[in-house]
Amino acid sequence: MSEKKPTLRSDEHIIHLRPPRPHETPPMIINDISHLFHGKMRSMETEGIMSQHGARMIAYELSRREGLRQIDLVRLTHMKAPTVSVIVKKMAAEGLLTHEVQFSDLRSIRLYLTEKGRALHETTRRSLRSTDEIMMAGFTEEEAQQLKAMLCRVRDNLLSDLESNGLLRPASTLDEKEDTPKEDGKQ
């Protein structure tokens, strides 16, 4: 009889835990960590759009800089424009964000979290902090900083490749003048 593997159950997903294998590459391990992280977050979330990673990313960006446009969210989150559009519509339908047309440019629509959206985002932030603590248990501050530096290099390598192949517009193209809403809009 074979030994039963421990599992992490997350809604419809069952993730099997296992020791590292000699043939695993760091990207394979990063992918496993990503799946485990998202499984953990799904198990902690309430129902609705905020159970989706993309919605959490949009809420995070709007909590930092309200009044962003959808194109700004595309650049900041690295999601495709249709994906951002669908998520924004669902978040608006759930009362998590509102949009305002700018008086100075009627084509420019700025997005804002509602009180309900801010409250749900704060709940999500607490869940993320809790998950961060679980993930980083046993690491010294120095080890955590080294890991952060290495993972940032991995992310930068991927972003650079995507940008150089025209598959992604650099987030740095976000116009600083358009980064915050004008005075005629909500602040």
C-alpha atoms as a PDB file:
ATOM      1  CA  MET A   1       0.000   0.000   0.000  1.00  0.00           C
ATOM      2  CA  SER A   2       1.426   3.367  -1.016  1.00  0.00           C
ATOM      3  CA  GLU A   3       1.763   6.219   1.402  1.00  0.00           C
ATOM      4  CA  LYS A   4      -0.981   8.851   1.115  1.00  0.00           C
ATOM      5  CA  LYS A   5       0.221  12.334   0.095  1.00  0.00           C
ATOM      6  CA  PRO A   6      -0.874  15.301   2.219  1.00  0.00           C
ATOM      7  CA  THR A   7      -3.158  17.692   0.345  1.00  0.00           C
ATOM      8  CA  LEU A   8      -4.330  21.273   0.522  1.00  0.00           C
ATOM      9  CA  ARG A   9      -7.995  21.520  -0.473  1.00  0.00           C
ATOM     10  CA  SER A  10      -9.088  24.790  -2.035  1.00  0.00           C
ATOM     11  CA  ASP A  11     -12.633  24.960  -3.406  1.00  0.00           C
ATOM     12  CA  GLU A  12     -12.534  22.857  -6.556  1.00  0.00           C
ATOM     13  CA  HIS A  13      -8.768  22.364  -6.547  1.00  0.00           C
ATOM     14  CA  ILE A  14      -6.784  19.748  -4.661  1.00  0.00           C
ATOM     15  CA  ILE A  15      -3.072  20.435  -4.532  1.00  0.00           C
ATOM     16  CA  HIS A  16      -0.709  17.597  -3.613  1.00  0.00           C
ATOM     17  CA  LEU A  17       2.253  18.509  -1.428  1.00  0.00           C
ATOM     18  CA  ARG A  18       5.567  16.843  -2.128  1.00  0.00           C
ATOM     19  CA  PRO A  19       9.252  17.179  -1.392  1.00  0.00           C
ATOM     20  CA  PRO A  20      11.434  18.885  -4.021  1.00  0.00           C
ATOM     21  CA  ARG A  21      12.581  16.612  -6.802  1.00  0.00           C
ATOM     22  CA  PRO A  22      16.151  16.720  -8.108  1.00  0.00           C
ATOM     23  CA  HIS A  23      15.004  17.497 -11.677  1.00  0.00           C
ATOM     24  CA  GLU A  24      12.896  20.510 -10.630  1.00  0.00           C
ATOM     25  CA  THR A  25      14.106  23.848 -11.865  1.00  0.00           C
ATOM     26  CA  PRO A  26      13.590  27.096  -9.944  1.00  0.00           C
ATOM     27  CA  PRO A  27      10.836  28.188 -12.399  1.00  0.00           C
ATOM     28  CA  MET A  28       8.999  24.906 -11.729  1.00  0.00           C
ATOM     29  CA  ILE A  29       9.156  25.596  -7.998  1.00  0.00           C
ATOM     30  CA  ILE A  30       7.983  29.208  -8.535  1.00  0.00           C
ATOM     31  CA  ASN A  31       5.029  27.848 -10.506  1.00  0.00           C
ATOM     32  CA  ASP A  32       4.182  25.422  -7.683  1.00  0.00           C
ATOM     33  CA  ILE A  33       4.406  28.240  -5.134  1.00  0.00           C
ATOM     34  CA  SER A  34       2.115  30.375  -7.291  1.00  0.00           C
ATOM     35  CA  HIS A  35      -0.506  27.606  -7.452  1.00  0.00           C
ATOM     36  CA  LEU A  36      -0.291  27.013  -3.712  1.00  0.00           C
ATOM     37  CA  PHE A  37      -0.536  30.731  -2.985  1.00  0.00           C
ATOM     38  CA  HIS A  38      -3.615  31.175  -5.175  1.00  0.00           C
ATOM     39  CA  GLY A  39      -5.209  28.072  -3.655  1.00  0.00           C
ATOM     40  CA  LYS A  40      -4.616  29.499  -0.188  1.00  0.00           C
ATOM     41  CA  MET A  41      -6.066  32.884  -1.178  1.00  0.00           C
ATOM     42  CA  ARG A  42      -9.156  31.303  -2.778  1.00  0.00           C
ATOM     43  CA  SER A  43      -9.782  29.365   0.424  1.00  0.00           C
ATOM     44  CA  MET A  44      -9.694  32.615   2.455  1.00  0.00           C
ATOM     45  CA  GLU A  45     -11.791  34.819   0.167  1.00  0.00           C
ATOM     46  CA  THR A  46     -15.445  35.600   0.213  1.00  0.00           C
ATOM     47  CA  GLU A  47     -17.534  34.837  -2.839  1.00  0.00           C
ATOM     48  CA  GLY A  48     -17.657  37.117  -5.829  1.00  0.00           C
ATOM     49  CA  ILE A  49     -15.187  38.793  -8.095  1.00  0.00           C
ATOM     50  CA  MET A  50     -12.634  39.424  -5.325  1.00  0.00           C
ATOM     51  CA  SER A  51     -11.911  35.695  -5.308  1.00  0.00           C
ATOM     52  CA  GLN A  52     -10.136  36.307  -8.630  1.00  0.00           C
ATOM     53  CA  HIS A  53      -6.501  37.325  -8.626  1.00  0.00           C
ATOM     54  CA  GLY A  54      -7.070  39.988 -11.297  1.00  0.00           C
ATOM     55  CA  ALA A  55      -9.715  41.738  -9.198  1.00  0.00           C
ATOM     56  CA  ARG A  56      -7.376  41.786  -6.205  1.00  0.00           C
ATOM     57  CA  MET A  57      -4.667  43.341  -8.386  1.00  0.00           C
ATOM     58  CA  ILE A  58      -7.048  46.034  -9.659  1.00  0.00           C
ATOM     59  CA  ALA A  59      -8.283  46.800  -6.133  1.00  0.00           C
ATOM     60  CA  TYR A  60      -4.663  47.053  -4.956  1.00  0.00           C
ATOM     61  CA  GLU A  61      -3.732  49.522  -7.705  1.00  0.00           C
ATOM     62  CA  LEU A  62      -6.859  51.626  -7.100  1.00  0.00           C
ATOM     63  CA  SER A  63      -6.194  51.660  -3.356  1.00  0.00           C
ATOM     64  CA  ARG A  64      -2.768  53.144  -4.091  1.00  0.00           C
ATOM     65  CA  ARG A  65      -3.852  55.610  -6.777  1.00  0.00           C
ATOM     66  CA  GLU A  66      -7.540  56.179  -7.233  1.00  0.00           C
ATOM     67  CA  GLY A  67      -8.739  57.722 -10.440  1.00  0.00           C
ATOM     68  CA  LEU A  68      -6.765  55.442 -12.741  1.00  0.00           C
ATOM     69  CA  ARG A  69      -8.083  54.648 -16.206  1.00  0.00           C
ATOM     70  CA  GLN A  70      -8.545  51.121 -17.527  1.00  0.00           C
ATOM     71  CA  ILE A  71      -5.488  51.530 -19.771  1.00  0.00           C
ATOM     72  CA  ASP A  72      -3.450  52.458 -16.681  1.00  0.00           C
ATOM     73  CA  LEU A  73      -4.628  49.241 -14.994  1.00  0.00           C
ATOM     74  CA  VAL A  74      -3.630  47.237 -18.082  1.00  0.00           C
ATOM     75  CA  ARG A  75      -0.102  48.622 -17.856  1.00  0.00           C
ATOM     76  CA  LEU A  76       0.213  48.295 -14.087  1.00  0.00           C
ATOM     77  CA  THR A  77      -1.229  44.782 -13.770  1.00  0.00           C
ATOM     78  CA  HIS A  78       0.130  43.362 -17.050  1.00  0.00           C
ATOM     79  CA  MET A  79      -3.311  41.965 -17.845  1.00  0.00           C
ATOM     80  CA  LYS A  80      -4.901  42.216 -21.279  1.00  0.00           C
ATOM     81  CA  ALA A  81      -7.330  45.090 -21.884  1.00  0.00           C
ATOM     82  CA  PRO A  82     -10.392  42.835 -22.386  1.00  0.00           C
ATOM     83  CA  THR A  83      -9.612  41.051 -19.104  1.00  0.00           C
ATOM     84  CA  VAL A  84      -9.377  44.338 -17.218  1.00  0.00           C
ATOM     85  CA  SER A  85     -12.615  45.514 -18.842  1.00  0.00           C
ATOM     86  CA  VAL A  86     -14.532  42.394 -17.786  1.00  0.00           C
ATOM     87  CA  ILE A  87     -13.183  42.524 -14.222  1.00  0.00           C
ATOM     88  CA  VAL A  88     -13.959  46.251 -13.890  1.00  0.00           C
ATOM     89  CA  LYS A  89     -17.550  45.650 -15.072  1.00  0.00           C
ATOM     90  CA  LYS A  90     -17.986  42.817 -12.562  1.00  0.00           C
ATOM     91  CA  MET A  91     -16.476  44.871  -9.741  1.00  0.00           C
ATOM     92  CA  ALA A  92     -18.824  47.759 -10.607  1.00  0.00           C
ATOM     93  CA  ALA A  93     -21.806  45.371 -10.706  1.00  0.00           C
ATOM     94  CA  GLU A  94     -20.869  44.149  -7.214  1.00  0.00           C
ATOM     95  CA  GLY A  95     -20.628  47.741  -5.974  1.00  0.00           C
ATOM     96  CA  LEU A  96     -16.865  47.637  -5.425  1.00  0.00           C
ATOM     97  CA  LEU A  97     -15.928  50.491  -7.727  1.00  0.00           C
ATOM     98  CA  THR A  98     -17.439  53.424  -9.560  1.00  0.00           C
ATOM     99  CA  HIS A  99     -16.356  55.300 -12.642  1.00  0.00           C
ATOM    100  CA  GLU A 100     -16.448  58.975 -13.412  1.00  0.00           C
ATOM    101  CA  VAL A 101     -16.183  60.794 -16.699  1.00  0.00           C
ATOM    102  CA  GLN A 102     -13.626  63.603 -16.539  1.00  0.00           C
ATOM    103  CA  PHE A 103     -15.049  67.018 -17.377  1.00  0.00           C
ATOM    104  CA  SER A 104     -11.861  68.012 -19.199  1.00  0.00           C
ATOM    105  CA  ASP A 105     -12.002  64.957 -21.501  1.00  0.00           C
ATOM    106  CA  LEU A 106     -15.323  63.173 -21.811  1.00  0.00           C
ATOM    107  CA  ARG A 107     -13.560  60.102 -23.252  1.00  0.00           C
ATOM    108  CA  SER A 108     -11.469  59.681 -20.105  1.00  0.00           C
ATOM    109  CA  ILE A 109     -13.151  57.545 -17.466  1.00  0.00           C
ATOM    110  CA  ARG A 110     -11.518  57.376 -14.042  1.00  0.00           C
ATOM    111  CA  LEU A 111     -12.104  54.473 -11.638  1.00  0.00           C
ATOM    112  CA  TYR A 112     -12.558  54.705  -7.863  1.00  0.00           C
ATOM    113  CA  LEU A 113     -13.058  52.115  -5.145  1.00  0.00           C
ATOM    114  CA  THR A 114     -16.300  52.485  -3.211  1.00  0.00           C
ATOM    115  CA  GLU A 115     -16.421  52.178   0.585  1.00  0.00           C
ATOM    116  CA  LYS A 116     -17.482  48.556   0.085  1.00  0.00           C
ATOM    117  CA  GLY A 117     -14.541  48.054  -2.298  1.00  0.00           C
ATOM    118  CA  ARG A 118     -12.071  49.603   0.149  1.00  0.00           C
ATOM    119  CA  ALA A 119     -13.398  47.449   3.005  1.00  0.00           C
ATOM    120  CA  LEU A 120     -13.158  44.269   0.940  1.00  0.00           C
ATOM    121  CA  HIS A 121      -9.677  45.237  -0.236  1.00  0.00           C
ATOM    122  CA  GLU A 122      -8.591  45.730   3.391  1.00  0.00           C
ATOM    123  CA  THR A 123      -9.909  42.244   4.245  1.00  0.00           C
ATOM    124  CA  THR A 124      -7.914  40.891   1.311  1.00  0.00           C
ATOM    125  CA  ARG A 125      -4.791  42.743   2.510  1.00  0.00           C
ATOM    126  CA  ARG A 126      -5.106  41.111   5.926  1.00  0.00           C
ATOM    127  CA  SER A 127      -5.404  37.700   4.245  1.00  0.00           C
ATOM    128  CA  LEU A 128      -2.317  38.456   2.163  1.00  0.00           C
ATOM    129  CA  ARG A 129      -0.322  39.505   5.227  1.00  0.00           C
ATOM    130  CA  SER A 130      -1.333  36.302   6.994  1.00  0.00           C
ATOM    131  CA  THR A 131      -0.313  34.235   3.966  1.00  0.00           C
ATOM    132  CA  ASP A 132       2.968  36.180   3.719  1.00  0.00           C
ATOM    133  CA  GLU A 133       3.746  35.271   7.333  1.00  0.00           C
ATOM    134  CA  ILE A 134       3.054  31.595   6.647  1.00  0.00           C
ATOM    135  CA  MET A 135       5.213  31.631   3.520  1.00  0.00           C
ATOM    136  CA  MET A 136       8.144  33.401   5.165  1.00  0.00           C
ATOM    137  CA  ALA A 137       8.122  31.472   8.457  1.00  0.00           C
ATOM    138  CA  GLY A 138      11.641  30.468   9.461  1.00  0.00           C
ATOM    139  CA  PHE A 139      13.392  32.938   7.145  1.00  0.00           C
ATOM    140  CA  THR A 140      15.771  35.485   8.609  1.00  0.00           C
ATOM    141  CA  GLU A 141      15.417  39.102   7.464  1.00  0.00           C
ATOM    142  CA  GLU A 142      18.593  38.699   5.414  1.00  0.00           C
ATOM    143  CA  GLU A 143      17.274  35.536   3.720  1.00  0.00           C
ATOM    144  CA  ALA A 144      13.971  37.267   2.978  1.00  0.00           C
ATOM    145  CA  GLN A 145      15.791  40.211   1.347  1.00  0.00           C
ATOM    146  CA  GLN A 146      17.989  37.857  -0.707  1.00  0.00           C
ATOM    147  CA  LEU A 147      14.938  35.905  -1.875  1.00  0.00           C
ATOM    148  CA  LYS A 148      13.145  39.147  -2.752  1.00  0.00           C
ATOM    149  CA  ALA A 149      16.113  40.365  -4.806  1.00  0.00           C
ATOM    150  CA  MET A 150      16.343  37.079  -6.711  1.00  0.00           C
ATOM    151  CA  LEU A 151      12.614  36.901  -7.404  1.00  0.00           C
ATOM    152  CA  CYS A 152      12.627  40.516  -8.609  1.00  0.00           C
ATOM    153  CA  ARG A 153      15.362  39.582 -11.077  1.00  0.00           C
ATOM    154  CA  VAL A 154      13.262  36.655 -12.336  1.00  0.00           C
ATOM    155  CA  ARG A 155      10.224  38.946 -12.748  1.00  0.00           C
ATOM    156  CA  ASP A 156      12.326  41.631 -14.459  1.00  0.00           C
ATOM    157  CA  ASN A 157      13.754  39.050 -16.877  1.00  0.00           C
ATOM    158  CA  LEU A 158      10.248  37.936 -17.862  1.00  0.00           C
ATOM    159  CA  LEU A 159       8.934  41.502 -18.173  1.00  0.00           C
ATOM    160  CA  SER A 160      11.944  42.520 -20.264  1.00  0.00           C
ATOM    161  CA  ASP A 161      11.435  39.556 -22.596  1.00  0.00           C
ATOM    162  CA  LEU A 162       7.723  40.275 -23.004  1.00  0.00           C
ATOM    163  CA  GLU A 163       8.369  43.977 -23.614  1.00  0.00           C
ATOM    164  CA  SER A 164      11.177  43.350 -26.137  1.00  0.00           C
ATOM    165  CA  ASN A 165       8.906  40.966 -28.071  1.00  0.00           C
ATOM    166  CA  GLY A 166       6.103  43.552 -28.152  1.00  0.00           C
ATOM    167  CA  LEU A 167       3.822  41.411 -26.005  1.00  0.00           C
ATOM    168  CA  LEU A 168       3.671  43.881 -23.138  1.00  0.00           C
ATOM    169  CA  ARG A 169       3.837  47.651 -22.838  1.00  0.00           C
ATOM    170  CA  PRO A 170       6.166  48.807 -20.077  1.00  0.00           C
ATOM    171  CA  ALA A 171       4.399  49.995 -16.921  1.00  0.00           C
ATOM    172  CA  SER A 172       6.778  52.944 -16.991  1.00  0.00           C
ATOM    173  CA  THR A 173       4.806  54.298 -19.969  1.00  0.00           C
ATOM    174  CA  LEU A 174       2.117  55.359 -17.501  1.00  0.00           C
ATOM    175  CA  ASP A 175       2.120  59.114 -17.965  1.00  0.00           C
ATOM    176  CA  GLU A 176       3.008  60.676 -14.627  1.00  0.00           C
ATOM    177  CA  LYS A 177       0.775  63.649 -15.443  1.00  0.00           C
ATOM    178  CA  GLU A 178      -2.148  61.268 -15.838  1.00  0.00           C
ATOM    179  CA  ASP A 179      -1.161  59.188 -12.821  1.00  0.00           C
ATOM    180  CA  THR A 180      -3.442  61.127 -10.494  1.00  0.00           C
ATOM    181  CA  PRO A 181      -6.827  62.627 -11.259  1.00  0.00           C
ATOM    182  CA  LYS A 182      -7.168  66.318 -11.998  1.00  0.00           C
ATOM    183  CA  GLU A 183      -8.819  68.643  -9.539  1.00  0.00           C
ATOM    184  CA  ASP A 184     -12.148  68.506 -11.380  1.00  0.00           C
ATOM    185  CA  GLY A 185     -12.410  64.818 -10.556  1.00  0.00           C
ATOM    186  CA  LYS A 186     -12.835  62.927  -7.325  1.00  0.00           C
ATOM    187  CA  GLN A 187      -9.664  62.662  -5.218  1.00  0.00           C
END
